[in-house]
Structures are given as C-alpha cells and as structure tokens.
N, C-alpha and C. Protein backbone atom coordinates (compact mmCIF):
# COMPACT_ATOMS: atom_id res chain seq x y z
N MET A 1 0.78 -1.13 0.00
CA MET A 1 -0.02 0.06 0.02
C MET A 1 0.80 1.20 0.04
N PRO A 2 0.57 2.19 -0.71
CA PRO A 2 1.34 3.51 -0.79
C PRO A 2 0.97 4.24 0.48
N GLU A 3 2.07 4.90 1.13
CA GLU A 3 1.94 5.66 2.33
C GLU A 3 1.15 7.12 1.93
N VAL A 4 0.18 7.28 2.80
CA VAL A 4 -0.53 8.57 2.59
C VAL A 4 0.28 9.66 3.60
N LYS A 5 0.58 10.79 3.03
CA LYS A 5 1.15 11.73 3.89
C LYS A 5 0.07 12.65 4.35
N SER A 6 -0.02 12.94 5.62
CA SER A 6 -1.01 13.72 6.31
C SER A 6 -0.30 15.27 6.22
N MET A 7 -1.45 15.93 6.36
CA MET A 7 -1.05 17.53 6.37
C MET A 7 -0.58 17.88 7.76
N PHE A 8 -0.70 17.05 8.72
CA PHE A 8 -0.05 17.50 10.14
C PHE A 8 1.19 16.63 10.28
N ARG A 9 2.14 17.24 11.02
CA ARG A 9 3.13 16.33 11.39
C ARG A 9 3.25 16.45 12.82
N GLU A 10 3.85 15.07 13.21
CA GLU A 10 3.75 14.91 14.80
C GLU A 10 4.99 15.82 15.27
N VAL A 11 4.58 16.47 16.56
CA VAL A 11 5.66 17.29 17.26
C VAL A 11 5.61 16.78 18.49
N LEU A 12 6.74 16.36 19.05
CA LEU A 12 7.12 15.99 20.38
C LEU A 12 8.07 17.10 20.94
N PRO A 13 7.60 17.39 22.38
CA PRO A 13 8.24 18.53 23.09
C PRO A 13 9.70 17.93 23.28
N LYS A 14 10.66 18.82 23.19
CA LYS A 14 12.09 18.62 23.36
C LYS A 14 12.44 18.76 24.80
N GLN A 15 11.66 19.46 25.71
CA GLN A 15 11.87 19.61 27.07
C GLN A 15 10.66 19.45 27.80
N GLY A 16 10.77 19.17 29.15
CA GLY A 16 9.47 18.93 29.98
C GLY A 16 8.98 17.55 29.76
N GLN A 17 7.56 17.41 30.21
CA GLN A 17 7.01 16.11 30.21
C GLN A 17 5.96 15.97 29.23
N LEU A 18 5.89 14.83 28.62
CA LEU A 18 4.68 14.44 27.81
C LEU A 18 3.56 14.02 28.55
N CYS A 19 2.49 14.61 28.39
CA CYS A 19 1.11 14.21 29.13
C CYS A 19 0.25 13.53 28.20
N VAL A 20 -0.13 12.10 28.50
CA VAL A 20 -1.08 11.55 27.75
C VAL A 20 -2.18 11.32 28.66
N GLU A 21 -3.38 11.51 28.09
CA GLU A 21 -4.59 11.30 28.90
C GLU A 21 -5.17 10.05 28.37
N ASP A 22 -5.61 9.16 29.39
CA ASP A 22 -6.33 7.95 28.88
C ASP A 22 -7.73 8.22 29.49
N VAL A 23 -8.64 8.43 28.54
CA VAL A 23 -9.98 8.60 28.95
C VAL A 23 -10.80 7.36 28.88
N PRO A 24 -11.35 6.90 29.95
CA PRO A 24 -12.01 5.60 30.13
C PRO A 24 -13.35 5.74 29.05
N THR A 25 -13.59 4.73 28.44
CA THR A 25 -14.75 4.61 27.68
C THR A 25 -15.69 3.55 28.07
N MET A 26 -16.87 3.54 27.77
CA MET A 26 -17.85 2.29 27.99
C MET A 26 -17.55 1.13 26.95
N VAL A 27 -17.47 0.07 27.70
CA VAL A 27 -17.12 -0.99 26.86
C VAL A 27 -18.50 -1.95 26.98
N LEU A 28 -19.07 -2.23 25.69
CA LEU A 28 -20.34 -2.88 25.58
C LEU A 28 -20.03 -4.45 25.81
N CYS A 29 -20.67 -5.18 26.35
CA CYS A 29 -20.65 -6.65 26.56
C CYS A 29 -21.90 -7.32 26.02
N LYS A 30 -21.49 -8.61 25.83
CA LYS A 30 -22.77 -9.40 25.21
C LYS A 30 -23.70 -9.49 26.39
N PRO A 31 -25.02 -9.32 25.89
CA PRO A 31 -26.18 -9.51 27.01
C PRO A 31 -26.10 -10.92 27.63
N LYS A 32 -26.46 -11.03 28.90
CA LYS A 32 -26.57 -12.38 29.54
C LYS A 32 -27.91 -12.69 29.53
N LEU A 33 -28.25 -13.90 28.90
CA LEU A 33 -29.50 -14.40 28.77
C LEU A 33 -29.80 -15.05 30.13
N LEU A 34 -31.08 -14.71 30.67
CA LEU A 34 -31.66 -15.23 31.93
C LEU A 34 -32.68 -16.18 31.48
N PRO A 35 -32.85 -17.29 32.03
CA PRO A 35 -34.03 -18.10 32.00
C PRO A 35 -35.27 -17.49 32.15
N LEU A 36 -36.38 -17.76 31.65
CA LEU A 36 -37.67 -17.28 31.88
C LEU A 36 -38.20 -17.96 33.14
N LYS A 37 -37.96 -19.24 33.40
CA LYS A 37 -38.33 -20.09 34.53
C LYS A 37 -37.11 -20.60 35.04
N SER A 38 -37.08 -20.68 36.38
CA SER A 38 -35.95 -21.29 37.09
C SER A 38 -36.09 -22.80 36.85
N VAL A 39 -34.84 -23.50 37.03
CA VAL A 39 -34.98 -25.08 37.07
C VAL A 39 -35.83 -25.59 38.16
N THR A 40 -35.86 -25.18 39.25
CA THR A 40 -36.68 -25.51 40.33
C THR A 40 -38.12 -25.49 39.92
N LEU A 41 -38.49 -24.23 39.27
CA LEU A 41 -40.04 -23.96 39.06
C LEU A 41 -40.30 -24.90 37.94
N GLU A 42 -39.58 -25.35 37.09
CA GLU A 42 -39.91 -26.13 36.06
C GLU A 42 -40.02 -27.60 36.59
N LYS A 43 -39.14 -28.06 37.50
CA LYS A 43 -39.31 -29.33 38.12
C LYS A 43 -40.59 -29.44 38.81
N LEU A 44 -41.02 -28.36 39.73
CA LEU A 44 -42.22 -28.28 40.51
C LEU A 44 -43.33 -28.50 39.52
N GLU A 45 -43.30 -27.82 38.34
CA GLU A 45 -44.63 -27.79 37.47
C GLU A 45 -44.45 -29.17 36.77
N LYS A 46 -43.30 -29.85 36.60
CA LYS A 46 -43.44 -31.29 35.94
C LYS A 46 -44.14 -32.15 36.96
N MET A 47 -43.64 -32.17 38.49
CA MET A 47 -44.09 -33.03 39.41
C MET A 47 -45.57 -32.68 39.53
N GLN A 48 -46.16 -31.46 39.32
CA GLN A 48 -47.62 -31.28 39.51
C GLN A 48 -48.32 -31.79 38.35
N ARG A 49 -47.77 -31.79 37.16
CA ARG A 49 -48.36 -32.26 36.06
C ARG A 49 -48.43 -33.83 36.00
N ASP A 50 -47.28 -34.48 36.60
CA ASP A 50 -47.39 -35.79 36.79
C ASP A 50 -48.47 -36.36 37.77
N ALA A 51 -48.46 -35.48 38.94
CA ALA A 51 -49.42 -35.90 39.86
C ALA A 51 -50.77 -35.95 39.47
N GLN A 52 -51.17 -34.61 38.62
CA GLN A 52 -52.60 -34.54 38.09
C GLN A 52 -52.68 -35.84 37.21
N GLU A 53 -51.89 -36.26 36.27
CA GLU A 53 -52.04 -37.26 35.28
C GLU A 53 -52.37 -38.66 36.13
N THR A 54 -51.56 -38.70 37.27
CA THR A 54 -51.69 -40.05 38.09
C THR A 54 -53.30 -40.03 38.59
N ILE A 55 -53.62 -38.86 39.13
CA ILE A 55 -54.99 -38.73 39.77
C ILE A 55 -56.02 -38.92 38.67
N ARG A 56 -55.81 -38.51 37.46
CA ARG A 56 -56.69 -38.68 36.45
C ARG A 56 -56.83 -39.99 35.94
N GLN A 57 -55.74 -40.90 35.98
CA GLN A 57 -55.60 -42.29 35.68
C GLN A 57 -56.37 -42.93 36.63
N GLN A 58 -56.22 -42.77 37.93
CA GLN A 58 -56.80 -43.44 39.08
C GLN A 58 -58.40 -43.17 39.13
N GLU A 59 -58.69 -41.98 38.61
CA GLU A 59 -60.25 -41.74 38.50
C GLU A 59 -60.91 -42.59 37.31
N LEU A 60 -60.21 -42.39 36.26
CA LEU A 60 -60.72 -43.36 35.11
C LEU A 60 -60.91 -44.86 35.47
N ALA A 61 -59.72 -45.32 36.27
CA ALA A 61 -59.85 -46.68 36.87
C ALA A 61 -60.87 -46.97 37.53
N GLN A 62 -61.24 -45.99 38.57
CA GLN A 62 -62.56 -46.24 39.41
C GLN A 62 -63.73 -46.28 38.64
N LYS A 63 -63.84 -45.34 37.69
CA LYS A 63 -65.02 -45.39 37.03
C LYS A 63 -65.22 -46.77 36.09
N ASP A 64 -64.34 -47.21 35.60
CA ASP A 64 -64.35 -48.40 34.84
C ASP A 64 -64.67 -49.66 35.88
N ASP A 65 -64.03 -49.57 37.04
CA ASP A 65 -64.38 -50.63 38.19
C ASP A 65 -65.97 -50.61 38.47
N LEU A 66 -66.44 -49.33 38.61
CA LEU A 66 -67.75 -49.20 38.97
C LEU A 66 -68.67 -49.62 37.75
N GLN A 67 -68.45 -49.34 36.49
CA GLN A 67 -69.15 -49.75 35.47
C GLN A 67 -68.96 -51.34 35.33
N GLN A 68 -67.86 -51.92 35.60
CA GLN A 68 -67.82 -53.39 35.42
C GLN A 68 -68.80 -54.12 36.49
N THR A 69 -68.67 -53.38 37.78
CA THR A 69 -69.32 -54.11 38.83
C THR A 69 -70.96 -54.05 38.60
N GLN A 70 -71.40 -52.92 37.84
CA GLN A 70 -72.68 -52.56 37.81
C GLN A 70 -73.25 -53.54 36.74
N GLN A 71 -72.53 -53.98 35.76
CA GLN A 71 -73.07 -54.81 34.71
C GLN A 71 -73.10 -56.23 34.97
C-alpha cells in the first residue's frame, strides 16, 4: 500500500514532560440471557403435571371398576 502523507506532522516536546490522557470509555458486553423460568420451578411444574395425570388415571380406573361391577 502506498503511504499517505498527512497534512499534520507530529511534534514532540524537546523539554518537559509529555502528558497523555487516557479517557475511560464504555465497553459494551454481550447481554447475559436469563431463563424465564428457574430449573426448580420447571421441576415443580413437572411434578404437579405428573401428579394430576396420576389422579386422572386413578379416577378413570375407578369409573371403569364401577361400570364393570354394575353390569
């Protein structure tokens, strides 16, 4: 690549101190994704669904037993 000459030239002081200011800037990070439901809540909901399904199956079994005994 050809070098491009700028219209400004760098000037460094020959006496004294050279002061450079480091200005802190904001650094953006990736957002952290949080689960909508906690693992514990999901486990509790699964246990509740399983319990409801078990109750439903027991009720159906009782109805079948009643119908068979009535016949």
